[in-house]
Amino acid sequence: METGNFRNDGFGWVCVHCESGTDSEGDNISRLMREGEAESKSVTLSTTAIAKWADAEHTILICPQCERTERVQPPRVRL
């Protein structure tokens, strides 16, 4: 699913405007070593462009880096 400013990559909602500046394609370190239970206590996410929910109903996304916001409609369930 994709909106104007965000796309869902299966891991979370990513800001498409900030994503290009945070890619680490040349980095050979496994994502496991940068996130989660890495040996270092200064763990960083592989991308800082992962959006957060701005409301309790989970309808508005906000990018913590550029502060863009967008309302996301929940997918319709077909019966």
PDB file of N, CA and C in Angstrom:
ATOM      1  N   MET A   1       0.847  -1.177   0.000  1.00  0.00           N
ATOM      2  CA  MET A   1       0.000   0.000   0.000  1.00  0.00           C
ATOM      3  C   MET A   1       0.892   1.240   0.000  1.00  0.00           C
ATOM      4  N   GLU A   2       0.499   2.238  -0.745  1.00  0.00           N
ATOM      5  CA  GLU A   2       1.282   3.457  -0.854  1.00  0.00           C
ATOM      6  C   GLU A   2       0.366   4.664  -0.846  1.00  0.00           C
ATOM      7  N   THR A   3       0.851   5.745  -0.241  1.00  0.00           N
ATOM      8  CA  THR A   3       0.119   7.004  -0.248  1.00  0.00           C
ATOM      9  C   THR A   3       0.997   8.026  -0.969  1.00  0.00           C
ATOM     10  N   GLY A   4       0.658   9.287  -0.887  1.00  0.00           N
ATOM     11  CA  GLY A   4       1.454  10.304  -1.553  1.00  0.00           C
ATOM     12  C   GLY A   4       2.833  10.489  -0.938  1.00  0.00           C
ATOM     13  N   ASN A   5       2.936  10.395   0.391  1.00  0.00           N
ATOM     14  CA  ASN A   5       4.196  10.649   1.081  1.00  0.00           C
ATOM     15  C   ASN A   5       4.815   9.421   1.730  1.00  0.00           C
ATOM     16  N   PHE A   6       4.058   8.342   1.877  1.00  0.00           N
ATOM     17  CA  PHE A   6       4.534   7.157   2.592  1.00  0.00           C
ATOM     18  C   PHE A   6       4.233   5.892   1.806  1.00  0.00           C
ATOM     19  N   ARG A   7       5.058   4.873   2.043  1.00  0.00           N
ATOM     20  CA  ARG A   7       4.775   3.558   1.476  1.00  0.00           C
ATOM     21  C   ARG A   7       5.017   2.519   2.557  1.00  0.00           C
ATOM     22  N   ASN A   8       4.238   1.459   2.524  1.00  0.00           N
ATOM     23  CA  ASN A   8       4.363   0.386   3.496  1.00  0.00           C
ATOM     24  C   ASN A   8       5.235  -0.693   2.881  1.00  0.00           C
ATOM     25  N   ASP A   9       6.421  -0.893   3.446  1.00  0.00           N
ATOM     26  CA  ASP A   9       7.350  -1.878   2.900  1.00  0.00           C
ATOM     27  C   ASP A   9       7.254  -3.227   3.605  1.00  0.00           C
ATOM     28  N   GLY A  10       6.227  -3.427   4.404  1.00  0.00           N
ATOM     29  CA  GLY A  10       6.058  -4.675   5.136  1.00  0.00           C
ATOM     30  C   GLY A  10       6.680  -4.626   6.517  1.00  0.00           C
ATOM     31  N   PHE A  11       7.632  -3.736   6.718  1.00  0.00           N
ATOM     32  CA  PHE A  11       8.295  -3.561   8.006  1.00  0.00           C
ATOM     33  C   PHE A  11       7.712  -2.367   8.742  1.00  0.00           C
ATOM     34  N   GLY A  12       7.184  -1.428   7.974  1.00  0.00           N
ATOM     35  CA  GLY A  12       6.609  -0.215   8.533  1.00  0.00           C
ATOM     36  C   GLY A  12       6.373   0.796   7.427  1.00  0.00           C
ATOM     37  N   TRP A  13       5.789   1.916   7.782  1.00  0.00           N
ATOM     38  CA  TRP A  13       5.541   2.991   6.826  1.00  0.00           C
ATOM     39  C   TRP A  13       6.800   3.828   6.695  1.00  0.00           C
ATOM     40  N   VAL A  14       7.275   4.026   5.467  1.00  0.00           N
ATOM     41  CA  VAL A  14       8.512   4.756   5.195  1.00  0.00           C
ATOM     42  C   VAL A  14       8.186   6.019   4.416  1.00  0.00           C
ATOM     43  N   CYS A  15       8.783   7.135   4.829  1.00  0.00           N
ATOM     44  CA  CYS A  15       8.624   8.402   4.118  1.00  0.00           C
ATOM     45  C   CYS A  15       9.417   8.317   2.811  1.00  0.00           C
ATOM     46  N   VAL A  16       8.735   8.465   1.670  1.00  0.00           N
ATOM     47  CA  VAL A  16       9.409   8.339   0.381  1.00  0.00           C
ATOM     48  C   VAL A  16      10.333   9.519   0.107  1.00  0.00           C
ATOM     49  N   HIS A  17      10.105  10.658   0.753  1.00  0.00           N
ATOM     50  CA  HIS A  17      10.942  11.838   0.548  1.00  0.00           C
ATOM     51  C   HIS A  17      12.273  11.718   1.290  1.00  0.00           C
ATOM     52  N   CYS A  18      12.257  11.113   2.454  1.00  0.00           N
ATOM     53  CA  CYS A  18      13.474  10.992   3.279  1.00  0.00           C
ATOM     54  C   CYS A  18      14.222   9.684   3.036  1.00  0.00           C
ATOM     55  N   GLU A  19      13.564   8.710   2.443  1.00  0.00           N
ATOM     56  CA  GLU A  19      14.155   7.374   2.287  1.00  0.00           C
ATOM     57  C   GLU A  19      15.436   7.390   1.463  1.00  0.00           C
ATOM     58  N   SER A  20      15.481   8.165   0.406  1.00  0.00           N
ATOM     59  CA  SER A  20      16.656   8.154  -0.461  1.00  0.00           C
ATOM     60  C   SER A  20      17.909   8.662   0.248  1.00  0.00           C
ATOM     61  N   GLY A  21      17.744   9.545   1.208  1.00  0.00           N
ATOM     62  CA  GLY A  21      18.892  10.071   1.927  1.00  0.00           C
ATOM     63  C   GLY A  21      19.382   9.181   3.046  1.00  0.00           C
ATOM     64  N   THR A  22      18.621   8.125   3.404  1.00  0.00           N
ATOM     65  CA  THR A  22      19.002   7.267   4.519  1.00  0.00           C
ATOM     66  C   THR A  22      19.345   5.860   4.096  1.00  0.00           C
ATOM     67  N   ASP A  23      19.308   5.557   2.805  1.00  0.00           N
ATOM     68  CA  ASP A  23      19.638   4.206   2.358  1.00  0.00           C
ATOM     69  C   ASP A  23      21.102   3.898   2.642  1.00  0.00           C
ATOM     70  N   SER A  24      21.366   2.672   3.015  1.00  0.00           N
ATOM     71  CA  SER A  24      22.744   2.256   3.301  1.00  0.00           C
ATOM     72  C   SER A  24      23.112   1.087   2.407  1.00  0.00           C
ATOM     73  N   GLU A  25      22.988   1.263   1.088  1.00  0.00           N
ATOM     74  CA  GLU A  25      23.250   0.193   0.150  1.00  0.00           C
ATOM     75  C   GLU A  25      24.702  -0.253   0.179  1.00  0.00           C
ATOM     76  N   GLY A  26      25.629   0.635   0.434  1.00  0.00           N
ATOM     77  CA  GLY A  26      27.034   0.284   0.451  1.00  0.00           C
ATOM     78  C   GLY A  26      27.478  -0.319   1.771  1.00  0.00           C
ATOM     79  N   ASP A  27      26.616  -0.367   2.744  1.00  0.00           N
ATOM     80  CA  ASP A  27      26.933  -0.884   4.063  1.00  0.00           C
ATOM     81  C   ASP A  27      26.778  -2.397   4.056  1.00  0.00           C
ATOM     82  N   ASN A  28      27.836  -3.132   4.402  1.00  0.00           N
ATOM     83  CA  ASN A  28      27.782  -4.590   4.380  1.00  0.00           C
ATOM     84  C   ASN A  28      27.416  -5.190   5.725  1.00  0.00           C
ATOM     85  N   ILE A  29      27.107  -4.369   6.715  1.00  0.00           N
ATOM     86  CA  ILE A  29      26.732  -4.872   8.032  1.00  0.00           C
ATOM     87  C   ILE A  29      25.279  -5.337   7.984  1.00  0.00           C
ATOM     88  N   SER A  30      25.026  -6.513   8.506  1.00  0.00           N
ATOM     89  CA  SER A  30      23.685  -7.069   8.535  1.00  0.00           C
ATOM     90  C   SER A  30      22.742  -6.161   9.319  1.00  0.00           C
ATOM     91  N   ARG A  31      21.483  -6.114   8.896  1.00  0.00           N
ATOM     92  CA  ARG A  31      20.482  -5.320   9.612  1.00  0.00           C
ATOM     93  C   ARG A  31      20.315  -5.843  11.036  1.00  0.00           C
ATOM     94  N   LEU A  32      20.520  -7.138  11.226  1.00  0.00           N
ATOM     95  CA  LEU A  32      20.449  -7.730  12.549  1.00  0.00           C
ATOM     96  C   LEU A  32      21.453  -7.092  13.506  1.00  0.00           C
ATOM     97  N   MET A  33      22.610  -6.705  12.993  1.00  0.00           N
ATOM     98  CA  MET A  33      23.634  -6.097  13.836  1.00  0.00           C
ATOM     99  C   MET A  33      23.390  -4.614  14.080  1.00  0.00           C
ATOM    100  N   ARG A  34      22.512  -3.993  13.304  1.00  0.00           N
ATOM    101  CA  ARG A  34      22.204  -2.584  13.519  1.00  0.00           C
ATOM    102  C   ARG A  34      20.945  -2.395  14.325  1.00  0.00           C
ATOM    103  N   GLU A  35      20.069  -3.396  14.345  1.00  0.00           N
ATOM    104  CA  GLU A  35      18.797  -3.291  15.031  1.00  0.00           C
ATOM    105  C   GLU A  35      18.648  -4.455  16.001  1.00  0.00           C
ATOM    106  N   GLY A  36      17.697  -4.345  16.882  1.00  0.00           N
ATOM    107  CA  GLY A  36      17.381  -5.464  17.765  1.00  0.00           C
ATOM    108  C   GLY A  36      18.454  -5.736  18.785  1.00  0.00           C
ATOM    109  N   GLU A  37      18.966  -6.960  18.788  1.00  0.00           N
ATOM    110  CA  GLU A  37      19.910  -7.382  19.812  1.00  0.00           C
ATOM    111  C   GLU A  37      21.361  -7.248  19.343  1.00  0.00           C
ATOM    112  N   ALA A  38      21.714  -6.113  18.838  1.00  0.00           N
ATOM    113  CA  ALA A  38      23.093  -5.876  18.424  1.00  0.00           C
ATOM    114  C   ALA A  38      23.991  -5.819  19.650  1.00  0.00           C
ATOM    115  N   GLU A  39      25.263  -6.082  19.467  1.00  0.00           N
ATOM    116  CA  GLU A  39      26.195  -6.096  20.587  1.00  0.00           C
ATOM    117  C   GLU A  39      26.372  -4.702  21.185  1.00  0.00           C
ATOM    118  N   SER A  40      26.255  -3.708  20.353  1.00  0.00           N
ATOM    119  CA  SER A  40      26.412  -2.337  20.811  1.00  0.00           C
ATOM    120  C   SER A  40      25.147  -1.869  21.513  1.00  0.00           C
ATOM    121  N   LYS A  41      25.298  -1.020  22.497  1.00  0.00           N
ATOM    122  CA  LYS A  41      24.124  -0.447  23.180  1.00  0.00           C
ATOM    123  C   LYS A  41      23.593   0.769  22.445  1.00  0.00           C
ATOM    124  N   SER A  42      24.309   1.242  21.444  1.00  0.00           N
ATOM    125  CA  SER A  42      23.856   2.392  20.660  1.00  0.00           C
ATOM    126  C   SER A  42      23.253   1.896  19.342  1.00  0.00           C
ATOM    127  N   VAL A  43      22.161   1.169  19.452  1.00  0.00           N
ATOM    128  CA  VAL A  43      21.500   0.582  18.290  1.00  0.00           C
ATOM    129  C   VAL A  43      20.792   1.670  17.503  1.00  0.00           C
ATOM    130  N   THR A  44      20.929   1.642  16.177  1.00  0.00           N
ATOM    131  CA  THR A  44      20.226   2.587  15.312  1.00  0.00           C
ATOM    132  C   THR A  44      19.442   1.802  14.273  1.00  0.00           C
ATOM    133  N   LEU A  45      18.308   2.346  13.855  1.00  0.00           N
ATOM    134  CA  LEU A  45      17.508   1.716  12.821  1.00  0.00           C
ATOM    135  C   LEU A  45      18.201   1.857  11.480  1.00  0.00           C
ATOM    136  N   SER A  46      17.940   0.926  10.571  1.00  0.00           N
ATOM    137  CA  SER A  46      18.563   0.989   9.259  1.00  0.00           C
ATOM    138  C   SER A  46      18.053   2.174   8.449  1.00  0.00           C
ATOM    139  N   THR A  47      16.885   2.676   8.778  1.00  0.00           N
ATOM    140  CA  THR A  47      16.379   3.896   8.161  1.00  0.00           C
ATOM    141  C   THR A  47      15.693   4.734   9.233  1.00  0.00           C
ATOM    142  N   THR A  48      15.956   6.019   9.208  1.00  0.00           N
ATOM    143  CA  THR A  48      15.301   6.917  10.166  1.00  0.00           C
ATOM    144  C   THR A  48      14.026   7.499   9.582  1.00  0.00           C
ATOM    145  N   ALA A  49      13.668   7.069   8.376  1.00  0.00           N
ATOM    146  CA  ALA A  49      12.488   7.597   7.695  1.00  0.00           C
ATOM    147  C   ALA A  49      11.239   6.785   7.997  1.00  0.00           C
ATOM    148  N   ILE A  50      11.288   5.894   8.983  1.00  0.00           N
ATOM    149  CA  ILE A  50      10.104   5.118   9.342  1.00  0.00           C
ATOM    150  C   ILE A  50       9.131   6.024  10.082  1.00  0.00           C
ATOM    151  N   ALA A  51       7.918   6.101   9.548  1.00  0.00           N
ATOM    152  CA  ALA A  51       6.900   6.996  10.100  1.00  0.00           C
ATOM    153  C   ALA A  51       6.319   6.441  11.392  1.00  0.00           C
ATOM    154  N   LYS A  52       5.720   7.335  12.150  1.00  0.00           N
ATOM    155  CA  LYS A  52       5.048   6.973  13.400  1.00  0.00           C
ATOM    156  C   LYS A  52       3.601   7.425  13.300  1.00  0.00           C
ATOM    157  N   TRP A  53       2.755   6.826  14.113  1.00  0.00           N
ATOM    158  CA  TRP A  53       1.362   7.240  14.153  1.00  0.00           C
ATOM    159  C   TRP A  53       1.240   8.496  14.998  1.00  0.00           C
ATOM    160  N   ALA A  54       0.513   9.477  14.479  1.00  0.00           N
ATOM    161  CA  ALA A  54       0.349  10.752  15.180  1.00  0.00           C
ATOM    162  C   ALA A  54      -0.903  10.771  16.046  1.00  0.00           C
ATOM    163  N   ASP A  55      -1.742   9.752  15.919  1.00  0.00           N
ATOM    164  CA  ASP A  55      -2.981   9.721  16.697  1.00  0.00           C
ATOM    165  C   ASP A  55      -3.238   8.304  17.208  1.00  0.00           C
ATOM    166  N   ALA A  56      -4.096   8.210  18.193  1.00  0.00           N
ATOM    167  CA  ALA A  56      -4.392   6.923  18.820  1.00  0.00           C
ATOM    168  C   ALA A  56      -5.195   6.000  17.904  1.00  0.00           C
ATOM    169  N   GLU A  57      -5.912   6.542  16.950  1.00  0.00           N
ATOM    170  CA  GLU A  57      -6.738   5.745  16.046  1.00  0.00           C
ATOM    171  C   GLU A  57      -5.936   5.156  14.882  1.00  0.00           C
ATOM    172  N   HIS A  58      -4.659   5.539  14.761  1.00  0.00           N
ATOM    173  CA  HIS A  58      -3.766   5.078  13.692  1.00  0.00           C
ATOM    174  C   HIS A  58      -4.309   5.435  12.310  1.00  0.00           C
ATOM    175  N   THR A  59      -4.634   6.700  12.148  1.00  0.00           N
ATOM    176  CA  THR A  59      -5.107   7.186  10.857  1.00  0.00           C
ATOM    177  C   THR A  59      -4.194   8.269  10.275  1.00  0.00           C
ATOM    178  N   ILE A  60      -3.302   8.845  11.085  1.00  0.00           N
ATOM    179  CA  ILE A  60      -2.410   9.904  10.609  1.00  0.00           C
ATOM    180  C   ILE A  60      -0.966   9.481  10.843  1.00  0.00           C
ATOM    181  N   LEU A  61      -0.185   9.470   9.760  1.00  0.00           N
ATOM    182  CA  LEU A  61       1.242   9.150   9.845  1.00  0.00           C
ATOM    183  C   LEU A  61       2.052  10.432   9.879  1.00  0.00           C
ATOM    184  N   ILE A  62       3.178  10.402  10.597  1.00  0.00           N
ATOM    185  CA  ILE A  62       4.095  11.541  10.625  1.00  0.00           C
ATOM    186  C   ILE A  62       5.521  11.018  10.501  1.00  0.00           C
ATOM    187  N   CYS A  63       6.310  11.669   9.674  1.00  0.00           N
ATOM    188  CA  CYS A  63       7.724  11.318   9.525  1.00  0.00           C
ATOM    189  C   CYS A  63       8.505  12.056  10.607  1.00  0.00           C
ATOM    190  N   PRO A  64       9.272  11.357  11.439  1.00  0.00           N
ATOM    191  CA  PRO A  64      10.024  12.027  12.491  1.00  0.00           C
ATOM    192  C   PRO A  64      11.175  12.883  11.962  1.00  0.00           C
ATOM    193  N   GLN A  65      11.568  12.650  10.717  1.00  0.00           N
ATOM    194  CA  GLN A  65      12.700  13.378  10.150  1.00  0.00           C
ATOM    195  C   GLN A  65      12.276  14.706   9.504  1.00  0.00           C
ATOM    196  N   CYS A  66      11.279  14.659   8.612  1.00  0.00           N
ATOM    197  CA  CYS A  66      10.864  15.882   7.907  1.00  0.00           C
ATOM    198  C   CYS A  66       9.518  16.417   8.390  1.00  0.00           C
ATOM    199  N   GLU A  67       8.860  15.685   9.275  1.00  0.00           N
ATOM    200  CA  GLU A  67       7.587  16.060   9.890  1.00  0.00           C
ATOM    201  C   GLU A  67       6.425  16.176   8.900  1.00  0.00           C
ATOM    202  N   ARG A  68       6.504  15.494   7.755  1.00  0.00           N
ATOM    203  CA  ARG A  68       5.357  15.437   6.845  1.00  0.00           C
ATOM    204  C   ARG A  68       4.286  14.570   7.484  1.00  0.00           C
ATOM    205  N   THR A  69       3.050  14.927   7.270  1.00  0.00           N
ATOM    206  CA  THR A  69       1.940  14.139   7.805  1.00  0.00           C
ATOM    207  C   THR A  69       0.978  13.797   6.675  1.00  0.00           C
ATOM    208  N   GLU A  70       0.261  12.703   6.877  1.00  0.00           N
ATOM    209  CA  GLU A  70      -0.744  12.308   5.897  1.00  0.00           C
ATOM    210  C   GLU A  70      -1.761  11.387   6.562  1.00  0.00           C
ATOM    211  N   ARG A  71      -3.003  11.575   6.196  1.00  0.00           N
ATOM    212  CA  ARG A  71      -4.077  10.717   6.700  1.00  0.00           C
ATOM    213  C   ARG A  71      -4.112   9.456   5.846  1.00  0.00           C
ATOM    214  N   VAL A  72      -4.170   8.311   6.494  1.00  0.00           N
ATOM    215  CA  VAL A  72      -4.206   7.019   5.811  1.00  0.00           C
ATOM    216  C   VAL A  72      -5.557   6.375   6.046  1.00  0.00           C
ATOM    217  N   GLN A  73      -6.206   5.981   4.982  1.00  0.00           N
ATOM    218  CA  GLN A  73      -7.489   5.299   5.094  1.00  0.00           C
ATOM    219  C   GLN A  73      -7.228   3.820   5.328  1.00  0.00           C
ATOM    220  N   PRO A  74      -7.906   3.209   6.282  1.00  0.00           N
ATOM    221  CA  PRO A  74      -7.728   1.763   6.494  1.00  0.00           C
ATOM    222  C   PRO A  74      -8.247   1.000   5.296  1.00  0.00           C
ATOM    223  N   PRO A  75      -7.623  -0.129   4.961  1.00  0.00           N
ATOM    224  CA  PRO A  75      -8.089  -0.902   3.795  1.00  0.00           C
ATOM    225  C   PRO A  75      -9.487  -1.454   4.034  1.00  0.00           C
ATOM    226  N   ARG A  76     -10.257  -1.515   2.978  1.00  0.00           N
ATOM    227  CA  ARG A  76     -11.614  -2.057   3.082  1.00  0.00           C
ATOM    228  C   ARG A  76     -11.545  -3.578   3.063  1.00  0.00           C
ATOM    229  N   VAL A  77     -12.331  -4.171   3.929  1.00  0.00           N
ATOM    230  CA  VAL A  77     -12.372  -5.625   4.023  1.00  0.00           C
ATOM    231  C   VAL A  77     -13.521  -6.137   3.166  1.00  0.00           C
ATOM    232  N   ARG A  78     -13.210  -7.036   2.250  1.00  0.00           N
ATOM    233  CA  ARG A  78     -14.235  -7.627   1.394  1.00  0.00           C
ATOM    234  C   ARG A  78     -14.717  -8.920   2.009  1.00  0.00           C
ATOM    235  N   LEU A  79     -16.001  -9.095   2.030  1.00  0.00           N
ATOM    236  CA  LEU A  79     -16.578 -10.330   2.576  1.00  0.00           C
ATOM    237  C   LEU A  79     -17.120 -11.200   1.482  1.00  0.00           C
TER     238      LEU A  79
END
